[in-house]
Amino acid sequence: MGQKNIPVDSHTYELLKSLKRPSESFRELILRLVQGQGDRVLRHFGSWELDEDELAKIQDVLDQGWTGWEK
């Protein structure tokens, strides 16, 4: 497998360096950071298209849950 150079500025280098484990190479760090990205919760934000009825039901459940907590 060949190698490629990826230029990064000093700020990016320092961020990567701070994430790197003591015995880990930068190559291993990048692989660790990139692997499993598809399973992250943030990728799913905004994927649920909420209609008005669903929103009203959610709001009702939240309102019921907070009943008795209001002073």
PDB file of N, CA and C in Angstrom:
ATOM      1  N   MET A   1       0.854  -1.180   0.000  1.00  0.00           N
ATOM      2  CA  MET A   1       0.000   0.000   0.000  1.00  0.00           C
ATOM      3  C   MET A   1       0.897   1.239   0.000  1.00  0.00           C
ATOM      4  N   GLY A   2       0.599   2.162  -0.878  1.00  0.00           N
ATOM      5  CA  GLY A   2       1.384   3.391  -0.977  1.00  0.00           C
ATOM      6  C   GLY A   2       1.039   4.367   0.129  1.00  0.00           C
ATOM      7  N   GLN A   3       1.826   5.407   0.221  1.00  0.00           N
ATOM      8  CA  GLN A   3       1.593   6.439   1.214  1.00  0.00           C
ATOM      9  C   GLN A   3       1.210   7.736   0.530  1.00  0.00           C
ATOM     10  N   LYS A   4       0.411   8.546   1.226  1.00  0.00           N
ATOM     11  CA  LYS A   4       0.014   9.877   0.765  1.00  0.00           C
ATOM     12  C   LYS A   4       0.298  10.868   1.877  1.00  0.00           C
ATOM     13  N   ASN A   5       0.703  12.038   1.524  1.00  0.00           N
ATOM     14  CA  ASN A   5       0.904  13.113   2.493  1.00  0.00           C
ATOM     15  C   ASN A   5      -0.353  13.955   2.562  1.00  0.00           C
ATOM     16  N   ILE A   6      -0.754  14.285   3.764  1.00  0.00           N
ATOM     17  CA  ILE A   6      -1.920  15.140   3.976  1.00  0.00           C
ATOM     18  C   ILE A   6      -1.453  16.353   4.756  1.00  0.00           C
ATOM     19  N   PRO A   7      -1.373  17.512   4.121  1.00  0.00           N
ATOM     20  CA  PRO A   7      -0.913  18.695   4.848  1.00  0.00           C
ATOM     21  C   PRO A   7      -1.985  19.199   5.823  1.00  0.00           C
ATOM     22  N   VAL A   8      -1.549  19.543   7.029  1.00  0.00           N
ATOM     23  CA  VAL A   8      -2.442  20.128   8.027  1.00  0.00           C
ATOM     24  C   VAL A   8      -1.731  21.325   8.655  1.00  0.00           C
ATOM     25  N   ASP A   9      -2.515  22.297   9.073  1.00  0.00           N
ATOM     26  CA  ASP A   9      -1.910  23.463   9.715  1.00  0.00           C
ATOM     27  C   ASP A   9      -1.551  23.117  11.164  1.00  0.00           C
ATOM     28  N   SER A  10      -0.860  24.027  11.830  1.00  0.00           N
ATOM     29  CA  SER A  10      -0.383  23.787  13.202  1.00  0.00           C
ATOM     30  C   SER A  10      -1.525  23.521  14.170  1.00  0.00           C
ATOM     31  N   HIS A  11      -2.612  24.247  14.026  1.00  0.00           N
ATOM     32  CA  HIS A  11      -3.762  24.069  14.917  1.00  0.00           C
ATOM     33  C   HIS A  11      -4.334  22.658  14.770  1.00  0.00           C
ATOM     34  N   THR A  12      -4.519  22.203  13.540  1.00  0.00           N
ATOM     35  CA  THR A  12      -5.048  20.869  13.290  1.00  0.00           C
ATOM     36  C   THR A  12      -4.093  19.807  13.823  1.00  0.00           C
ATOM     37  N   TYR A  13      -2.816  20.000  13.618  1.00  0.00           N
ATOM     38  CA  TYR A  13      -1.812  19.068  14.121  1.00  0.00           C
ATOM     39  C   TYR A  13      -1.900  18.953  15.641  1.00  0.00           C
ATOM     40  N   GLU A  14      -2.008  20.084  16.322  1.00  0.00           N
ATOM     41  CA  GLU A  14      -2.077  20.067  17.788  1.00  0.00           C
ATOM     42  C   GLU A  14      -3.351  19.368  18.267  1.00  0.00           C
ATOM     43  N   LEU A  15      -4.463  19.576  17.558  1.00  0.00           N
ATOM     44  CA  LEU A  15      -5.702  18.884  17.921  1.00  0.00           C
ATOM     45  C   LEU A  15      -5.541  17.372  17.771  1.00  0.00           C
ATOM     46  N   LEU A  16      -4.983  16.949  16.649  1.00  0.00           N
ATOM     47  CA  LEU A  16      -4.750  15.521  16.431  1.00  0.00           C
ATOM     48  C   LEU A  16      -3.793  14.961  17.482  1.00  0.00           C
ATOM     49  N   LYS A  17      -2.750  15.690  17.764  1.00  0.00           N
ATOM     50  CA  LYS A  17      -1.756  15.263  18.746  1.00  0.00           C
ATOM     51  C   LYS A  17      -2.395  15.083  20.128  1.00  0.00           C
ATOM     52  N   SER A  18      -3.328  15.967  20.479  1.00  0.00           N
ATOM     53  CA  SER A  18      -3.979  15.878  21.791  1.00  0.00           C
ATOM     54  C   SER A  18      -4.907  14.664  21.883  1.00  0.00           C
ATOM     55  N   LEU A  19      -5.385  14.175  20.741  1.00  0.00           N
ATOM     56  CA  LEU A  19      -6.265  13.010  20.715  1.00  0.00           C
ATOM     57  C   LEU A  19      -5.500  11.694  20.634  1.00  0.00           C
ATOM     58  N   LYS A  20      -4.236  11.783  20.255  1.00  0.00           N
ATOM     59  CA  LYS A  20      -3.415  10.593  20.038  1.00  0.00           C
ATOM     60  C   LYS A  20      -3.049   9.941  21.360  1.00  0.00           C
ATOM     61  N   ARG A  21      -3.205   8.619  21.412  1.00  0.00           N
ATOM     62  CA  ARG A  21      -2.808   7.851  22.590  1.00  0.00           C
ATOM     63  C   ARG A  21      -1.286   7.692  22.595  1.00  0.00           C
ATOM     64  N   PRO A  22      -0.684   7.483  23.771  1.00  0.00           N
ATOM     65  CA  PRO A  22       0.790   7.438  23.853  1.00  0.00           C
ATOM     66  C   PRO A  22       1.463   6.458  22.886  1.00  0.00           C
ATOM     67  N   SER A  23       0.919   5.279  22.727  1.00  0.00           N
ATOM     68  CA  SER A  23       1.576   4.284  21.871  1.00  0.00           C
ATOM     69  C   SER A  23       0.985   4.243  20.458  1.00  0.00           C
ATOM     70  N   GLU A  24       0.168   5.220  20.124  1.00  0.00           N
ATOM     71  CA  GLU A  24      -0.563   5.229  18.855  1.00  0.00           C
ATOM     72  C   GLU A  24       0.145   6.104  17.823  1.00  0.00           C
ATOM     73  N   SER A  25       0.194   5.638  16.596  1.00  0.00           N
ATOM     74  CA  SER A  25       0.741   6.459  15.509  1.00  0.00           C
ATOM     75  C   SER A  25      -0.364   7.384  14.988  1.00  0.00           C
ATOM     76  N   PHE A  26       0.018   8.391  14.233  1.00  0.00           N
ATOM     77  CA  PHE A  26      -0.986   9.277  13.645  1.00  0.00           C
ATOM     78  C   PHE A  26      -1.873   8.497  12.668  1.00  0.00           C
ATOM     79  N   ARG A  27      -1.291   7.542  11.970  1.00  0.00           N
ATOM     80  CA  ARG A  27      -2.067   6.698  11.065  1.00  0.00           C
ATOM     81  C   ARG A  27      -3.144   5.936  11.833  1.00  0.00           C
ATOM     82  N   GLU A  28      -2.767   5.349  12.965  1.00  0.00           N
ATOM     83  CA  GLU A  28      -3.718   4.608  13.803  1.00  0.00           C
ATOM     84  C   GLU A  28      -4.772   5.544  14.385  1.00  0.00           C
ATOM     85  N   LEU A  29      -4.355   6.738  14.781  1.00  0.00           N
ATOM     86  CA  LEU A  29      -5.296   7.729  15.306  1.00  0.00           C
ATOM     87  C   LEU A  29      -6.357   8.072  14.274  1.00  0.00           C
ATOM     88  N   ILE A  30      -5.930   8.365  13.060  1.00  0.00           N
ATOM     89  CA  ILE A  30      -6.882   8.739  12.008  1.00  0.00           C
ATOM     90  C   ILE A  30      -7.830   7.588  11.722  1.00  0.00           C
ATOM     91  N   LEU A  31      -7.318   6.372  11.661  1.00  0.00           N
ATOM     92  CA  LEU A  31      -8.191   5.211  11.445  1.00  0.00           C
ATOM     93  C   LEU A  31      -9.199   5.064  12.581  1.00  0.00           C
ATOM     94  N   ARG A  32      -8.739   5.246  13.814  1.00  0.00           N
ATOM     95  CA  ARG A  32      -9.644   5.145  14.966  1.00  0.00           C
ATOM     96  C   ARG A  32     -10.744   6.202  14.908  1.00  0.00           C
ATOM     97  N   LEU A  33     -10.381   7.408  14.522  1.00  0.00           N
ATOM     98  CA  LEU A  33     -11.356   8.491  14.467  1.00  0.00           C
ATOM     99  C   LEU A  33     -12.365   8.307  13.340  1.00  0.00           C
ATOM    100  N   VAL A  34     -11.937   7.715  12.256  1.00  0.00           N
ATOM    101  CA  VAL A  34     -12.793   7.595  11.079  1.00  0.00           C
ATOM    102  C   VAL A  34     -13.689   6.352  11.141  1.00  0.00           C
ATOM    103  N   GLN A  35     -13.194   5.277  11.711  1.00  0.00           N
ATOM    104  CA  GLN A  35     -13.976   4.039  11.764  1.00  0.00           C
ATOM    105  C   GLN A  35     -15.187   4.199  12.661  1.00  0.00           C
ATOM    106  N   GLY A  36     -16.314   3.622  12.224  1.00  0.00           N
ATOM    107  CA  GLY A  36     -17.536   3.659  13.014  1.00  0.00           C
ATOM    108  C   GLY A  36     -18.309   4.956  12.932  1.00  0.00           C
ATOM    109  N   GLN A  37     -17.942   5.843  12.034  1.00  0.00           N
ATOM    110  CA  GLN A  37     -18.636   7.124  11.919  1.00  0.00           C
ATOM    111  C   GLN A  37     -20.109   6.957  11.565  1.00  0.00           C
ATOM    112  N   GLY A  38     -20.460   5.910  10.837  1.00  0.00           N
ATOM    113  CA  GLY A  38     -21.847   5.701  10.430  1.00  0.00           C
ATOM    114  C   GLY A  38     -22.778   5.412  11.588  1.00  0.00           C
ATOM    115  N   ASP A  39     -22.234   4.985  12.727  1.00  0.00           N
ATOM    116  CA  ASP A  39     -23.057   4.629  13.872  1.00  0.00           C
ATOM    117  C   ASP A  39     -23.253   5.775  14.860  1.00  0.00           C
ATOM    118  N   ARG A  40     -22.665   6.873  14.603  1.00  0.00           N
ATOM    119  CA  ARG A  40     -22.758   7.982  15.548  1.00  0.00           C
ATOM    120  C   ARG A  40     -24.161   8.582  15.563  1.00  0.00           C
ATOM    121  N   VAL A  41     -24.599   8.949  16.732  1.00  0.00           N
ATOM    122  CA  VAL A  41     -25.942   9.499  16.909  1.00  0.00           C
ATOM    123  C   VAL A  41     -26.136  10.780  16.109  1.00  0.00           C
ATOM    124  N   LEU A  42     -25.125  11.606  16.050  1.00  0.00           N
ATOM    125  CA  LEU A  42     -25.265  12.899  15.376  1.00  0.00           C
ATOM    126  C   LEU A  42     -25.625  12.760  13.906  1.00  0.00           C
ATOM    127  N   ARG A  43     -25.257  11.658  13.283  1.00  0.00           N
ATOM    128  CA  ARG A  43     -25.603  11.450  11.872  1.00  0.00           C
ATOM    129  C   ARG A  43     -27.106  11.327  11.671  1.00  0.00           C
ATOM    130  N   HIS A  44     -27.848  11.029  12.749  1.00  0.00           N
ATOM    131  CA  HIS A  44     -29.280  10.794  12.637  1.00  0.00           C
ATOM    132  C   HIS A  44     -30.116  12.028  12.974  1.00  0.00           C
ATOM    133  N   PHE A  45     -29.494  13.065  13.493  1.00  0.00           N
ATOM    134  CA  PHE A  45     -30.244  14.272  13.815  1.00  0.00           C
ATOM    135  C   PHE A  45     -30.865  14.848  12.551  1.00  0.00           C
ATOM    136  N   GLY A  46     -32.133  15.194  12.650  1.00  0.00           N
ATOM    137  CA  GLY A  46     -32.829  15.777  11.515  1.00  0.00           C
ATOM    138  C   GLY A  46     -33.403  14.758  10.549  1.00  0.00           C
ATOM    139  N   SER A  47     -33.212  13.467  10.800  1.00  0.00           N
ATOM    140  CA  SER A  47     -33.705  12.458   9.866  1.00  0.00           C
ATOM    141  C   SER A  47     -35.178  12.134  10.091  1.00  0.00           C
ATOM    142  N   TRP A  48     -35.725  12.503  11.236  1.00  0.00           N
ATOM    143  CA  TRP A  48     -37.129  12.248  11.526  1.00  0.00           C
ATOM    144  C   TRP A  48     -37.929  13.474  11.104  1.00  0.00           C
ATOM    145  N   GLU A  49     -38.770  13.293  10.111  1.00  0.00           N
ATOM    146  CA  GLU A  49     -39.612  14.394   9.654  1.00  0.00           C
ATOM    147  C   GLU A  49     -40.886  14.388  10.483  1.00  0.00           C
ATOM    148  N   LEU A  50     -40.935  15.290  11.431  1.00  0.00           N
ATOM    149  CA  LEU A  50     -42.012  15.375  12.407  1.00  0.00           C
ATOM    150  C   LEU A  50     -43.190  16.155  11.828  1.00  0.00           C
ATOM    151  N   ASP A  51     -44.400  15.545  11.891  1.00  0.00           N
ATOM    152  CA  ASP A  51     -45.566  16.306  11.447  1.00  0.00           C
ATOM    153  C   ASP A  51     -46.245  16.936  12.670  1.00  0.00           C
ATOM    154  N   GLU A  52     -47.243  17.740  12.446  1.00  0.00           N
ATOM    155  CA  GLU A  52     -47.882  18.497  13.524  1.00  0.00           C
ATOM    156  C   GLU A  52     -48.527  17.584  14.569  1.00  0.00           C
ATOM    157  N   ASP A  53     -49.155  16.472  14.136  1.00  0.00           N
ATOM    158  CA  ASP A  53     -49.793  15.544  15.084  1.00  0.00           C
ATOM    159  C   ASP A  53     -48.758  14.889  15.995  1.00  0.00           C
ATOM    160  N   GLU A  54     -47.649  14.452  15.434  1.00  0.00           N
ATOM    161  CA  GLU A  54     -46.589  13.846  16.249  1.00  0.00           C
ATOM    162  C   GLU A  54     -46.030  14.850  17.249  1.00  0.00           C
ATOM    163  N   LEU A  55     -45.819  16.067  16.784  1.00  0.00           N
ATOM    164  CA  LEU A  55     -45.309  17.113  17.655  1.00  0.00           C
ATOM    165  C   LEU A  55     -46.274  17.371  18.806  1.00  0.00           C
ATOM    166  N   ALA A  56     -47.573  17.410  18.521  1.00  0.00           N
ATOM    167  CA  ALA A  56     -48.581  17.638  19.559  1.00  0.00           C
ATOM    168  C   ALA A  56     -48.589  16.491  20.567  1.00  0.00           C
ATOM    169  N   LYS A  57     -48.460  15.253  20.094  1.00  0.00           N
ATOM    170  CA  LYS A  57     -48.433  14.099  21.003  1.00  0.00           C
ATOM    171  C   LYS A  57     -47.206  14.144  21.908  1.00  0.00           C
ATOM    172  N   ILE A  58     -46.076  14.468  21.341  1.00  0.00           N
ATOM    173  CA  ILE A  58     -44.847  14.569  22.136  1.00  0.00           C
ATOM    174  C   ILE A  58     -44.984  15.672  23.175  1.00  0.00           C
ATOM    175  N   GLN A  59     -45.518  16.803  22.774  1.00  0.00           N
ATOM    176  CA  GLN A  59     -45.694  17.917  23.711  1.00  0.00           C
ATOM    177  C   GLN A  59     -46.649  17.533  24.831  1.00  0.00           C
ATOM    178  N   ASP A  60     -47.731  16.801  24.514  1.00  0.00           N
ATOM    179  CA  ASP A  60     -48.677  16.350  25.547  1.00  0.00           C
ATOM    180  C   ASP A  60     -47.999  15.432  26.555  1.00  0.00           C
ATOM    181  N   VAL A  61     -47.209  14.493  26.076  1.00  0.00           N
ATOM    182  CA  VAL A  61     -46.505  13.575  26.971  1.00  0.00           C
ATOM    183  C   VAL A  61     -45.538  14.346  27.868  1.00  0.00           C
ATOM    184  N   LEU A  62     -44.811  15.287  27.297  1.00  0.00           N
ATOM    185  CA  LEU A  62     -43.899  16.101  28.100  1.00  0.00           C
ATOM    186  C   LEU A  62     -44.647  16.930  29.129  1.00  0.00           C
ATOM    187  N   ASP A  63     -45.773  17.517  28.721  1.00  0.00           N
ATOM    188  CA  ASP A  63     -46.573  18.318  29.657  1.00  0.00           C
ATOM    189  C   ASP A  63     -47.083  17.462  30.806  1.00  0.00           C
ATOM    190  N   GLN A  64     -47.538  16.248  30.507  1.00  0.00           N
ATOM    191  CA  GLN A  64     -48.020  15.344  31.555  1.00  0.00           C
ATOM    192  C   GLN A  64     -46.884  14.962  32.499  1.00  0.00           C
ATOM    193  N   GLY A  65     -45.721  14.745  31.944  1.00  0.00           N
ATOM    194  CA  GLY A  65     -44.563  14.383  32.761  1.00  0.00           C
ATOM    195  C   GLY A  65     -44.137  15.477  33.709  1.00  0.00           C
ATOM    196  N   TRP A  66     -44.338  16.720  33.298  1.00  0.00           N
ATOM    197  CA  TRP A  66     -43.920  17.839  34.125  1.00  0.00           C
ATOM    198  C   TRP A  66     -45.015  18.276  35.102  1.00  0.00           C
ATOM    199  N   THR A  67     -46.219  17.685  34.998  1.00  0.00           N
ATOM    200  CA  THR A  67     -47.306  18.031  35.924  1.00  0.00           C
ATOM    201  C   THR A  67     -46.868  17.678  37.340  1.00  0.00           C
ATOM    202  N   GLY A  68     -47.039  18.559  38.238  1.00  0.00           N
ATOM    203  CA  GLY A  68     -46.624  18.337  39.611  1.00  0.00           C
ATOM    204  C   GLY A  68     -45.223  18.857  39.912  1.00  0.00           C
ATOM    205  N   TRP A  69     -44.437  19.124  38.902  1.00  0.00           N
ATOM    206  CA  TRP A  69     -43.089  19.640  39.094  1.00  0.00           C
ATOM    207  C   TRP A  69     -43.071  21.162  39.086  1.00  0.00           C
ATOM    208  N   GLU A  70     -44.138  21.743  38.567  1.00  0.00           N
ATOM    209  CA  GLU A  70     -44.176  23.200  38.487  1.00  0.00           C
ATOM    210  C   GLU A  70     -44.510  23.759  39.863  1.00  0.00           C
ATOM    211  N   LYS A  71     -43.865  24.837  40.223  1.00  0.00           N
ATOM    212  CA  LYS A  71     -44.096  25.464  41.530  1.00  0.00           C
ATOM    213  C   LYS A  71     -44.951  26.674  41.377  1.00  0.00           C
TER     214      LYS A  71
END
